[in-house]
Amino acid sequence: MLRRNGNLVLRVLESELAPVARPGPFVLLWRWRYEAALLAGGPAVVVLAVRTVGWAPTIAAGAVTVLAVVVWPQARREVEGRFWCVVTPHRVRKACAEAMIVTRRGKLPMILWTRPEPFGERLWVWCRAGISPGDLQQAHDVIAAACWLAKGVRVLRHPRRASLVIVDVIRRDEHPAPEEPAPGDTWERSSTWFWRQ
């Protein structure tokens, strides 16, 4: 089997020579910040609401919130978009690990920011030294397959920053992704927002 599949031999060698490094505690907390906040903050909000206004108003407010999300299409789209903005970075990191898009020390590219778009999600990815935007472009099929329910992935290089890449995860055909961000629009706003932080 190994003789017939040369790619398998290369992948085994790559995984042994450059394994993916385990993230440190701060990186791990950063990657799982939304889930940790929901896990800690959700019960805290419920306890605080019950102590402040009681069980009945708390249950009524929760039911109204869930009903609004289920019935109101705009709220449903907003919740769905935020859900994918939490899930997609994990899937892109997993795809990078499987495609061996890592530095020699096993570090993955950094996902700086994710935001919902009409076509799906847009991720800003920082390529560490040893990783190029071309590595992500070559692995776009692997990334698309890893992102659940994605129809495709498009990888764009930043026009002025060689290590910054935008990964568009396309989930909806009715809102196609623009061919390129308009000058002064997405690139400028997004990169300016990030660099001012």
N, C-alpha and C. Protein backbone atom coordinates (compact mmCIF):
# COMPACT_ATOMS: atom_id res chain seq x y z
N MET A 1 0.83 -1.20 0.00
CA MET A 1 0.00 0.00 0.00
C MET A 1 0.87 1.26 0.00
N LEU A 2 1.99 1.26 0.75
CA LEU A 2 2.84 2.43 0.81
C LEU A 2 3.50 2.70 -0.54
N ARG A 3 3.82 1.62 -1.28
CA ARG A 3 4.45 1.82 -2.59
C ARG A 3 3.48 2.45 -3.57
N ARG A 4 2.19 2.11 -3.46
CA ARG A 4 1.19 2.64 -4.38
C ARG A 4 0.82 4.08 -4.06
N ASN A 5 0.93 4.48 -2.81
CA ASN A 5 0.50 5.81 -2.40
C ASN A 5 1.70 6.60 -1.87
N GLY A 6 2.39 7.29 -2.78
CA GLY A 6 3.55 8.09 -2.40
C GLY A 6 3.21 9.23 -1.47
N ASN A 7 2.00 9.81 -1.62
CA ASN A 7 1.59 10.91 -0.73
C ASN A 7 1.49 10.44 0.72
N LEU A 8 1.06 9.21 0.92
CA LEU A 8 0.95 8.69 2.28
C LEU A 8 2.34 8.60 2.92
N VAL A 9 3.31 8.15 2.15
CA VAL A 9 4.68 8.06 2.67
C VAL A 9 5.19 9.45 3.05
N LEU A 10 4.94 10.44 2.18
CA LEU A 10 5.38 11.80 2.48
C LEU A 10 4.69 12.36 3.72
N ARG A 11 3.40 12.09 3.87
CA ARG A 11 2.68 12.60 5.03
C ARG A 11 3.18 11.98 6.33
N VAL A 12 3.49 10.67 6.28
CA VAL A 12 4.01 10.01 7.48
C VAL A 12 5.36 10.61 7.85
N LEU A 13 6.21 10.82 6.85
CA LEU A 13 7.52 11.41 7.11
C LEU A 13 7.39 12.84 7.64
N GLU A 14 6.51 13.63 7.02
CA GLU A 14 6.33 15.01 7.48
C GLU A 14 5.81 15.06 8.91
N SER A 15 4.85 14.19 9.22
CA SER A 15 4.28 14.21 10.57
C SER A 15 5.30 13.79 11.62
N GLU A 16 6.25 12.94 11.24
CA GLU A 16 7.29 12.54 12.17
C GLU A 16 8.38 13.60 12.30
N LEU A 17 8.70 14.27 11.19
CA LEU A 17 9.77 15.26 11.21
C LEU A 17 9.31 16.61 11.76
N ALA A 18 8.07 16.99 11.49
CA ALA A 18 7.56 18.29 11.94
C ALA A 18 6.18 18.12 12.57
N PRO A 19 6.12 17.54 13.77
CA PRO A 19 4.81 17.36 14.39
C PRO A 19 4.21 18.71 14.79
N VAL A 20 2.90 18.75 14.88
CA VAL A 20 2.22 19.98 15.27
C VAL A 20 2.44 20.18 16.77
N ALA A 21 2.93 21.36 17.14
CA ALA A 21 3.24 21.67 18.53
C ALA A 21 1.95 21.80 19.34
N ARG A 22 2.02 21.34 20.57
CA ARG A 22 0.87 21.53 21.47
C ARG A 22 0.79 22.99 21.88
N PRO A 23 -0.41 23.57 21.88
CA PRO A 23 -0.51 24.98 22.28
C PRO A 23 -0.31 25.12 23.79
N GLY A 24 0.24 26.27 24.18
CA GLY A 24 0.41 26.58 25.59
C GLY A 24 -0.93 26.94 26.21
N PRO A 25 -0.97 27.14 27.53
CA PRO A 25 -2.26 27.42 28.20
C PRO A 25 -2.91 28.72 27.74
N PHE A 26 -2.12 29.76 27.48
CA PHE A 26 -2.70 31.02 27.04
C PHE A 26 -3.25 30.92 25.63
N VAL A 27 -2.53 30.23 24.75
CA VAL A 27 -3.00 30.02 23.38
C VAL A 27 -4.27 29.18 23.40
N LEU A 28 -4.28 28.15 24.23
CA LEU A 28 -5.45 27.29 24.34
C LEU A 28 -6.66 28.08 24.84
N LEU A 29 -6.44 28.92 25.85
CA LEU A 29 -7.54 29.75 26.37
C LEU A 29 -8.02 30.73 25.30
N TRP A 30 -7.09 31.30 24.52
CA TRP A 30 -7.48 32.23 23.46
C TRP A 30 -8.31 31.52 22.39
N ARG A 31 -7.89 30.32 22.00
CA ARG A 31 -8.61 29.59 20.96
C ARG A 31 -10.01 29.18 21.40
N TRP A 32 -10.20 28.91 22.68
CA TRP A 32 -11.48 28.45 23.19
C TRP A 32 -12.16 29.53 24.02
N ARG A 33 -11.88 30.80 23.79
CA ARG A 33 -12.40 31.88 24.62
C ARG A 33 -13.92 31.99 24.58
N TYR A 34 -14.52 31.82 23.41
CA TYR A 34 -15.98 31.95 23.32
C TYR A 34 -16.68 30.81 24.05
N GLU A 35 -16.18 29.61 23.86
CA GLU A 35 -16.77 28.46 24.54
C GLU A 35 -16.60 28.57 26.05
N ALA A 36 -15.42 29.03 26.49
CA ALA A 36 -15.17 29.20 27.94
C ALA A 36 -16.09 30.28 28.52
N ALA A 37 -16.24 31.37 27.77
CA ALA A 37 -17.12 32.45 28.24
C ALA A 37 -18.57 31.97 28.33
N LEU A 38 -19.01 31.20 27.35
CA LEU A 38 -20.39 30.69 27.37
C LEU A 38 -20.58 29.69 28.51
N LEU A 39 -19.58 28.83 28.70
CA LEU A 39 -19.67 27.82 29.76
C LEU A 39 -19.68 28.45 31.15
N ALA A 40 -18.88 29.50 31.33
CA ALA A 40 -18.83 30.16 32.64
C ALA A 40 -19.90 31.23 32.77
N GLY A 41 -20.10 32.01 31.69
CA GLY A 41 -21.01 33.14 31.76
C GLY A 41 -22.48 32.77 31.70
N GLY A 42 -22.83 31.73 30.95
CA GLY A 42 -24.24 31.32 30.82
C GLY A 42 -24.88 30.99 32.15
N PRO A 43 -24.31 30.05 32.90
CA PRO A 43 -24.90 29.74 34.21
C PRO A 43 -24.85 30.94 35.17
N ALA A 44 -23.81 31.76 35.09
CA ALA A 44 -23.72 32.93 35.97
C ALA A 44 -24.85 33.91 35.69
N VAL A 45 -25.16 34.13 34.40
CA VAL A 45 -26.26 35.03 34.03
C VAL A 45 -27.59 34.47 34.52
N VAL A 46 -27.79 33.16 34.36
CA VAL A 46 -29.05 32.55 34.82
C VAL A 46 -29.18 32.68 36.34
N VAL A 47 -28.13 32.38 37.07
CA VAL A 47 -28.19 32.49 38.54
C VAL A 47 -28.45 33.93 38.96
N LEU A 48 -27.75 34.87 38.32
CA LEU A 48 -27.95 36.29 38.65
C LEU A 48 -29.38 36.73 38.34
N ALA A 49 -29.91 36.29 37.20
CA ALA A 49 -31.29 36.66 36.83
C ALA A 49 -32.30 36.06 37.80
N VAL A 50 -32.09 34.80 38.18
CA VAL A 50 -33.03 34.16 39.12
C VAL A 50 -32.99 34.87 40.47
N ARG A 51 -31.81 35.23 40.95
CA ARG A 51 -31.71 35.93 42.24
C ARG A 51 -32.27 37.34 42.17
N THR A 52 -32.18 37.97 41.00
CA THR A 52 -32.64 39.35 40.88
C THR A 52 -34.15 39.44 40.66
N VAL A 53 -34.67 38.68 39.68
CA VAL A 53 -36.09 38.82 39.32
C VAL A 53 -36.93 37.59 39.59
N GLY A 54 -36.29 36.43 39.85
CA GLY A 54 -37.04 35.21 40.14
C GLY A 54 -37.05 34.25 38.96
N TRP A 55 -37.61 33.04 39.24
CA TRP A 55 -37.62 31.98 38.22
C TRP A 55 -38.53 32.30 37.05
N ALA A 56 -39.75 32.73 37.33
CA ALA A 56 -40.75 32.93 36.26
C ALA A 56 -40.28 33.96 35.23
N PRO A 57 -39.85 35.16 35.63
CA PRO A 57 -39.39 36.11 34.61
C PRO A 57 -38.14 35.63 33.86
N THR A 58 -37.26 34.90 34.56
CA THR A 58 -36.06 34.39 33.90
C THR A 58 -36.43 33.38 32.81
N ILE A 59 -37.33 32.46 33.14
CA ILE A 59 -37.77 31.46 32.16
C ILE A 59 -38.52 32.15 31.02
N ALA A 60 -39.36 33.13 31.32
CA ALA A 60 -40.10 33.86 30.29
C ALA A 60 -39.14 34.60 29.35
N ALA A 61 -38.13 35.26 29.91
CA ALA A 61 -37.17 35.99 29.08
C ALA A 61 -36.38 35.03 28.20
N GLY A 62 -35.97 33.89 28.75
CA GLY A 62 -35.27 32.88 27.95
C GLY A 62 -36.14 32.35 26.83
N ALA A 63 -37.43 32.08 27.13
CA ALA A 63 -38.34 31.56 26.10
C ALA A 63 -38.58 32.58 25.00
N VAL A 64 -38.72 33.86 25.37
CA VAL A 64 -38.92 34.92 24.37
C VAL A 64 -37.69 35.05 23.48
N THR A 65 -36.51 34.96 24.09
CA THR A 65 -35.27 35.05 23.31
C THR A 65 -35.16 33.91 22.32
N VAL A 66 -35.40 32.69 22.77
CA VAL A 66 -35.34 31.52 21.87
C VAL A 66 -36.40 31.63 20.79
N LEU A 67 -37.60 32.05 21.14
CA LEU A 67 -38.68 32.20 20.16
C LEU A 67 -38.33 33.26 19.11
N ALA A 68 -37.74 34.36 19.55
CA ALA A 68 -37.34 35.41 18.61
C ALA A 68 -36.30 34.90 17.63
N VAL A 69 -35.35 34.11 18.10
CA VAL A 69 -34.32 33.56 17.22
C VAL A 69 -34.94 32.57 16.23
N VAL A 70 -35.89 31.77 16.69
CA VAL A 70 -36.52 30.77 15.82
C VAL A 70 -37.43 31.41 14.78
N VAL A 71 -38.18 32.44 15.18
CA VAL A 71 -39.19 33.02 14.31
C VAL A 71 -38.63 34.13 13.42
N TRP A 72 -37.78 34.97 13.93
CA TRP A 72 -37.29 36.14 13.20
C TRP A 72 -36.10 35.75 12.34
N PRO A 73 -36.22 35.81 11.01
CA PRO A 73 -35.14 35.35 10.12
C PRO A 73 -33.82 36.11 10.32
N GLN A 74 -33.89 37.42 10.55
CA GLN A 74 -32.67 38.20 10.74
C GLN A 74 -31.91 37.73 11.99
N ALA A 75 -32.63 37.48 13.07
CA ALA A 75 -31.99 37.01 14.30
C ALA A 75 -31.41 35.61 14.09
N ARG A 76 -32.13 34.77 13.36
CA ARG A 76 -31.65 33.42 13.08
C ARG A 76 -30.35 33.46 12.26
N ARG A 77 -30.31 34.33 11.24
CA ARG A 77 -29.09 34.47 10.43
C ARG A 77 -27.93 34.99 11.26
N GLU A 78 -28.22 35.92 12.17
CA GLU A 78 -27.17 36.48 13.03
C GLU A 78 -26.59 35.42 13.96
N VAL A 79 -27.46 34.63 14.58
CA VAL A 79 -26.99 33.56 15.48
C VAL A 79 -26.22 32.51 14.69
N GLU A 80 -26.74 32.15 13.51
CA GLU A 80 -26.04 31.16 12.68
C GLU A 80 -24.66 31.67 12.26
N GLY A 81 -24.59 32.95 11.88
CA GLY A 81 -23.31 33.53 11.48
C GLY A 81 -22.31 33.53 12.63
N ARG A 82 -22.77 33.88 13.82
CA ARG A 82 -21.87 33.88 15.00
C ARG A 82 -21.44 32.45 15.36
N PHE A 83 -22.35 31.51 15.20
CA PHE A 83 -21.99 30.11 15.47
C PHE A 83 -20.85 29.66 14.55
N TRP A 84 -20.98 29.94 13.24
CA TRP A 84 -19.94 29.53 12.30
C TRP A 84 -18.64 30.30 12.55
N CYS A 85 -18.72 31.53 13.05
CA CYS A 85 -17.50 32.28 13.36
C CYS A 85 -16.74 31.68 14.54
N VAL A 86 -17.43 30.91 15.37
CA VAL A 86 -16.77 30.22 16.48
C VAL A 86 -16.22 28.87 16.01
N VAL A 87 -16.98 28.15 15.17
CA VAL A 87 -16.60 26.81 14.74
C VAL A 87 -15.52 26.83 13.67
N THR A 88 -15.63 27.72 12.69
CA THR A 88 -14.75 27.70 11.52
C THR A 88 -13.27 27.86 11.86
N PRO A 89 -12.85 28.75 12.77
CA PRO A 89 -11.42 28.81 13.08
C PRO A 89 -10.85 27.49 13.59
N HIS A 90 -11.64 26.76 14.39
CA HIS A 90 -11.18 25.44 14.86
C HIS A 90 -10.98 24.50 13.68
N ARG A 91 -11.91 24.53 12.73
CA ARG A 91 -11.82 23.62 11.57
C ARG A 91 -10.65 24.01 10.66
N VAL A 92 -10.40 25.31 10.50
CA VAL A 92 -9.28 25.74 9.66
C VAL A 92 -7.96 25.34 10.31
N ARG A 93 -7.86 25.49 11.63
CA ARG A 93 -6.64 25.04 12.33
C ARG A 93 -6.44 23.54 12.15
N LYS A 94 -7.52 22.78 12.25
CA LYS A 94 -7.44 21.33 12.07
C LYS A 94 -6.99 20.99 10.65
N ALA A 95 -7.51 21.71 9.67
CA ALA A 95 -7.12 21.47 8.28
C ALA A 95 -5.64 21.80 8.08
N CYS A 96 -5.18 22.88 8.68
CA CYS A 96 -3.75 23.24 8.57
C CYS A 96 -2.88 22.18 9.21
N ALA A 97 -3.32 21.63 10.34
CA ALA A 97 -2.54 20.58 10.99
C ALA A 97 -2.50 19.33 10.11
N GLU A 98 -3.63 18.96 9.51
CA GLU A 98 -3.67 17.77 8.67
C GLU A 98 -2.89 17.96 7.37
N ALA A 99 -2.89 19.17 6.84
CA ALA A 99 -2.16 19.45 5.60
C ALA A 99 -0.70 19.80 5.88
N MET A 100 -0.29 19.75 7.15
CA MET A 100 1.07 20.05 7.58
C MET A 100 1.50 21.46 7.18
N ILE A 101 0.59 22.41 7.33
CA ILE A 101 0.92 23.82 7.13
C ILE A 101 1.37 24.35 8.48
N VAL A 102 2.61 24.05 8.80
CA VAL A 102 3.19 24.40 10.08
C VAL A 102 4.63 24.89 9.87
N THR A 103 5.16 25.57 10.88
CA THR A 103 6.57 25.95 10.84
C THR A 103 7.40 24.72 11.20
N ARG A 104 8.71 24.86 11.15
CA ARG A 104 9.58 23.73 11.52
C ARG A 104 9.43 23.36 12.98
N ARG A 105 8.98 24.30 13.79
CA ARG A 105 8.75 24.01 15.21
C ARG A 105 7.33 23.48 15.45
N GLY A 106 6.57 23.34 14.38
CA GLY A 106 5.22 22.78 14.51
C GLY A 106 4.14 23.78 14.83
N LYS A 107 4.41 25.09 14.68
CA LYS A 107 3.42 26.13 14.98
C LYS A 107 2.49 26.32 13.79
N LEU A 108 1.20 26.41 14.07
CA LEU A 108 0.19 26.64 13.04
C LEU A 108 0.09 28.12 12.71
N PRO A 109 -0.49 28.48 11.56
CA PRO A 109 -0.76 29.89 11.30
C PRO A 109 -1.74 30.43 12.35
N MET A 110 -1.66 31.73 12.63
CA MET A 110 -2.53 32.33 13.64
C MET A 110 -3.79 32.90 12.96
N ILE A 111 -4.93 32.54 13.49
CA ILE A 111 -6.19 33.11 13.00
C ILE A 111 -6.47 34.33 13.88
N LEU A 112 -6.38 35.49 13.26
CA LEU A 112 -6.49 36.74 14.00
C LEU A 112 -7.93 37.14 14.27
N TRP A 113 -8.78 36.94 13.27
CA TRP A 113 -10.14 37.45 13.39
C TRP A 113 -11.03 36.71 12.42
N THR A 114 -12.28 36.52 12.79
CA THR A 114 -13.28 35.89 11.93
C THR A 114 -14.54 36.73 12.00
N ARG A 115 -15.16 36.95 10.85
CA ARG A 115 -16.43 37.68 10.88
C ARG A 115 -17.40 37.06 9.87
N PRO A 116 -18.70 37.15 10.17
CA PRO A 116 -19.69 36.62 9.23
C PRO A 116 -19.81 37.53 8.01
N GLU A 117 -20.06 36.92 6.89
CA GLU A 117 -20.28 37.63 5.62
C GLU A 117 -21.52 37.04 4.98
N PRO A 118 -22.13 37.72 4.01
CA PRO A 118 -23.31 37.15 3.35
C PRO A 118 -23.04 35.80 2.70
N PHE A 119 -21.81 35.55 2.25
CA PHE A 119 -21.49 34.29 1.58
C PHE A 119 -21.03 33.21 2.55
N GLY A 120 -20.69 33.56 3.79
CA GLY A 120 -20.19 32.59 4.77
C GLY A 120 -19.38 33.29 5.85
N GLU A 121 -18.06 32.98 5.93
CA GLU A 121 -17.20 33.62 6.91
C GLU A 121 -15.92 34.10 6.23
N ARG A 122 -15.34 35.12 6.80
CA ARG A 122 -14.05 35.64 6.35
C ARG A 122 -13.10 35.58 7.53
N LEU A 123 -11.95 34.92 7.31
CA LEU A 123 -10.94 34.77 8.35
C LEU A 123 -9.68 35.51 7.94
N TRP A 124 -9.08 36.22 8.89
CA TRP A 124 -7.78 36.86 8.68
C TRP A 124 -6.75 35.93 9.32
N VAL A 125 -5.82 35.46 8.51
CA VAL A 125 -4.84 34.47 8.95
C VAL A 125 -3.44 35.08 8.83
N TRP A 126 -2.66 34.99 9.89
CA TRP A 126 -1.29 35.49 9.90
C TRP A 126 -0.36 34.31 9.69
N CYS A 127 0.41 34.35 8.62
CA CYS A 127 1.37 33.28 8.33
C CYS A 127 2.65 33.55 9.11
N ARG A 128 3.02 32.63 9.97
CA ARG A 128 4.26 32.76 10.72
C ARG A 128 5.44 32.55 9.78
N ALA A 129 6.63 32.90 10.24
CA ALA A 129 7.83 32.68 9.43
C ALA A 129 7.95 31.18 9.15
N GLY A 130 8.08 30.83 7.90
CA GLY A 130 8.14 29.43 7.48
C GLY A 130 6.87 28.96 6.81
N ILE A 131 5.82 29.79 6.88
CA ILE A 131 4.55 29.48 6.22
C ILE A 131 4.27 30.60 5.24
N SER A 132 3.86 30.25 4.04
CA SER A 132 3.57 31.28 3.03
C SER A 132 2.09 31.24 2.66
N PRO A 133 1.57 32.34 2.13
CA PRO A 133 0.19 32.33 1.64
C PRO A 133 -0.04 31.24 0.59
N GLY A 134 1.01 30.93 -0.19
CA GLY A 134 0.89 29.87 -1.19
C GLY A 134 0.59 28.51 -0.57
N ASP A 135 1.10 28.26 0.66
CA ASP A 135 0.80 27.01 1.34
C ASP A 135 -0.70 26.87 1.59
N LEU A 136 -1.31 27.98 2.02
CA LEU A 136 -2.76 27.96 2.26
C LEU A 136 -3.53 27.84 0.94
N GLN A 137 -3.03 28.50 -0.11
CA GLN A 137 -3.70 28.41 -1.41
C GLN A 137 -3.66 26.99 -1.94
N GLN A 138 -2.53 26.31 -1.78
CA GLN A 138 -2.43 24.94 -2.26
C GLN A 138 -3.35 24.00 -1.48
N ALA A 139 -3.61 24.30 -0.23
CA ALA A 139 -4.43 23.43 0.62
C ALA A 139 -5.88 23.87 0.69
N HIS A 140 -6.35 24.72 -0.25
CA HIS A 140 -7.72 25.23 -0.14
C HIS A 140 -8.76 24.12 -0.19
N ASP A 141 -8.50 23.03 -0.92
CA ASP A 141 -9.45 21.92 -0.94
C ASP A 141 -9.51 21.21 0.40
N VAL A 142 -8.36 21.06 1.05
CA VAL A 142 -8.33 20.43 2.38
C VAL A 142 -9.07 21.29 3.38
N ILE A 143 -8.87 22.60 3.30
CA ILE A 143 -9.55 23.52 4.22
C ILE A 143 -11.06 23.49 3.97
N ALA A 144 -11.46 23.49 2.71
CA ALA A 144 -12.90 23.44 2.38
C ALA A 144 -13.54 22.16 2.90
N ALA A 145 -12.84 21.04 2.77
CA ALA A 145 -13.39 19.77 3.25
C ALA A 145 -13.49 19.75 4.77
N ALA A 146 -12.57 20.42 5.45
CA ALA A 146 -12.59 20.42 6.92
C ALA A 146 -13.68 21.32 7.47
N CYS A 147 -14.04 22.38 6.74
CA CYS A 147 -15.06 23.32 7.21
C CYS A 147 -16.43 22.73 6.90
N TRP A 148 -17.09 22.26 7.93
CA TRP A 148 -18.37 21.58 7.76
C TRP A 148 -19.33 22.40 6.92
N LEU A 149 -19.98 21.74 5.99
CA LEU A 149 -21.03 22.31 5.13
C LEU A 149 -20.54 23.45 4.23
N ALA A 150 -19.25 23.59 4.04
CA ALA A 150 -18.73 24.64 3.16
C ALA A 150 -18.83 24.18 1.71
N LYS A 151 -19.13 25.13 0.83
CA LYS A 151 -19.18 24.83 -0.60
C LYS A 151 -17.84 25.06 -1.27
N GLY A 152 -16.99 25.82 -0.62
CA GLY A 152 -15.67 26.10 -1.15
C GLY A 152 -14.92 27.07 -0.27
N VAL A 153 -13.65 27.29 -0.62
CA VAL A 153 -12.79 28.20 0.12
C VAL A 153 -11.99 29.00 -0.89
N ARG A 154 -11.84 30.28 -0.62
CA ARG A 154 -11.00 31.13 -1.46
C ARG A 154 -9.95 31.78 -0.58
N VAL A 155 -8.70 31.75 -1.04
CA VAL A 155 -7.58 32.30 -0.28
C VAL A 155 -7.03 33.50 -1.04
N LEU A 156 -6.96 34.66 -0.38
CA LEU A 156 -6.45 35.89 -1.00
C LEU A 156 -5.26 36.41 -0.22
N ARG A 157 -4.24 36.85 -0.94
CA ARG A 157 -3.10 37.49 -0.29
C ARG A 157 -3.41 38.96 -0.06
N HIS A 158 -2.88 39.51 1.01
CA HIS A 158 -3.03 40.94 1.27
C HIS A 158 -2.13 41.69 0.29
N PRO A 159 -2.61 42.80 -0.30
CA PRO A 159 -1.79 43.49 -1.30
C PRO A 159 -0.53 44.15 -0.75
N ARG A 160 -0.50 44.47 0.56
CA ARG A 160 0.67 45.16 1.12
C ARG A 160 1.39 44.37 2.21
N ARG A 161 0.76 43.40 2.80
CA ARG A 161 1.38 42.64 3.88
C ARG A 161 1.53 41.19 3.44
N ALA A 162 2.76 40.76 3.23
CA ALA A 162 3.03 39.45 2.65
C ALA A 162 2.60 38.30 3.54
N SER A 163 2.52 38.51 4.83
CA SER A 163 2.20 37.40 5.72
C SER A 163 0.72 37.36 6.12
N LEU A 164 -0.08 38.29 5.64
CA LEU A 164 -1.50 38.32 5.98
C LEU A 164 -2.32 37.74 4.83
N VAL A 165 -3.20 36.82 5.17
CA VAL A 165 -4.02 36.13 4.17
C VAL A 165 -5.48 36.20 4.61
N ILE A 166 -6.37 36.36 3.65
CA ILE A 166 -7.80 36.28 3.94
C ILE A 166 -8.32 34.97 3.37
N VAL A 167 -9.00 34.21 4.21
CA VAL A 167 -9.61 32.95 3.80
C VAL A 167 -11.12 33.14 3.84
N ASP A 168 -11.75 33.05 2.69
CA ASP A 168 -13.20 33.15 2.60
C ASP A 168 -13.78 31.73 2.56
N VAL A 169 -14.60 31.40 3.54
CA VAL A 169 -15.30 30.12 3.57
C VAL A 169 -16.69 30.36 3.01
N ILE A 170 -16.96 29.78 1.85
CA ILE A 170 -18.22 30.03 1.14
C ILE A 170 -19.23 28.96 1.51
N ARG A 171 -20.34 29.41 2.08
CA ARG A 171 -21.40 28.50 2.50
C ARG A 171 -22.70 28.71 1.73
N ARG A 172 -22.89 29.91 1.18
CA ARG A 172 -24.16 30.22 0.51
C ARG A 172 -23.89 30.71 -0.90
N ASP A 173 -24.60 30.10 -1.86
CA ASP A 173 -24.44 30.48 -3.27
C ASP A 173 -25.22 31.74 -3.63
N GLU A 174 -26.29 32.02 -2.90
CA GLU A 174 -27.12 33.17 -3.27
C GLU A 174 -26.41 34.50 -3.04
N HIS A 175 -25.36 34.49 -2.22
CA HIS A 175 -24.55 35.69 -1.98
C HIS A 175 -23.11 35.35 -2.32
N PRO A 176 -22.72 35.43 -3.60
CA PRO A 176 -21.35 35.05 -3.95
C PRO A 176 -20.33 35.99 -3.33
N ALA A 177 -19.16 35.44 -3.03
CA ALA A 177 -18.07 36.24 -2.48
C ALA A 177 -17.55 37.16 -3.57
N PRO A 178 -17.24 38.41 -3.24
CA PRO A 178 -16.68 39.30 -4.25
C PRO A 178 -15.35 38.76 -4.75
N GLU A 179 -15.04 39.04 -6.02
CA GLU A 179 -13.79 38.54 -6.60
C GLU A 179 -12.58 39.04 -5.83
N GLU A 180 -12.59 40.32 -5.49
CA GLU A 180 -11.53 40.89 -4.66
C GLU A 180 -12.13 42.02 -3.86
N PRO A 181 -11.66 42.21 -2.64
CA PRO A 181 -12.16 43.34 -1.86
C PRO A 181 -11.85 44.65 -2.57
N ALA A 182 -12.81 45.56 -2.54
CA ALA A 182 -12.61 46.86 -3.19
C ALA A 182 -11.54 47.65 -2.45
N PRO A 183 -10.70 48.39 -3.19
CA PRO A 183 -9.67 49.19 -2.51
C PRO A 183 -10.32 50.19 -1.55
N GLY A 184 -9.77 50.27 -0.36
CA GLY A 184 -10.32 51.19 0.63
C GLY A 184 -11.52 50.62 1.36
N ASP A 185 -11.96 49.41 0.98
CA ASP A 185 -13.14 48.84 1.64
C ASP A 185 -12.71 47.78 2.65
N THR A 186 -12.86 46.53 2.32
CA THR A 186 -12.64 45.45 3.28
C THR A 186 -11.20 45.38 3.72
N TRP A 187 -10.26 45.43 2.77
CA TRP A 187 -8.85 45.32 3.16
C TRP A 187 -8.48 46.46 4.10
N GLU A 188 -8.84 47.68 3.70
CA GLU A 188 -8.42 48.84 4.49
C GLU A 188 -9.07 48.84 5.86
N ARG A 189 -10.39 48.64 5.89
CA ARG A 189 -11.09 48.68 7.18
C ARG A 189 -10.61 47.57 8.09
N SER A 190 -10.51 46.35 7.55
CA SER A 190 -10.15 45.22 8.40
C SER A 190 -8.73 45.33 8.89
N SER A 191 -7.79 45.67 8.00
CA SER A 191 -6.40 45.74 8.44
C SER A 191 -6.19 46.93 9.36
N THR A 192 -6.86 48.05 9.10
CA THR A 192 -6.74 49.19 9.99
C THR A 192 -7.31 48.86 11.36
N TRP A 193 -8.45 48.17 11.38
CA TRP A 193 -9.04 47.78 12.66
C TRP A 193 -8.06 46.93 13.44
N PHE A 194 -7.44 45.95 12.77
CA PHE A 194 -6.54 45.06 13.49
C PHE A 194 -5.30 45.79 13.97
N TRP A 195 -4.72 46.62 13.11
CA TRP A 195 -3.45 47.24 13.48
C TRP A 195 -3.64 48.29 14.56
N ARG A 196 -4.83 48.82 14.75
CA ARG A 196 -5.04 49.81 15.80
C ARG A 196 -5.28 49.17 17.15
N GLN A 197 -5.52 47.87 17.18
CA GLN A 197 -5.82 47.19 18.45
C GLN A 197 -4.58 47.12 19.31
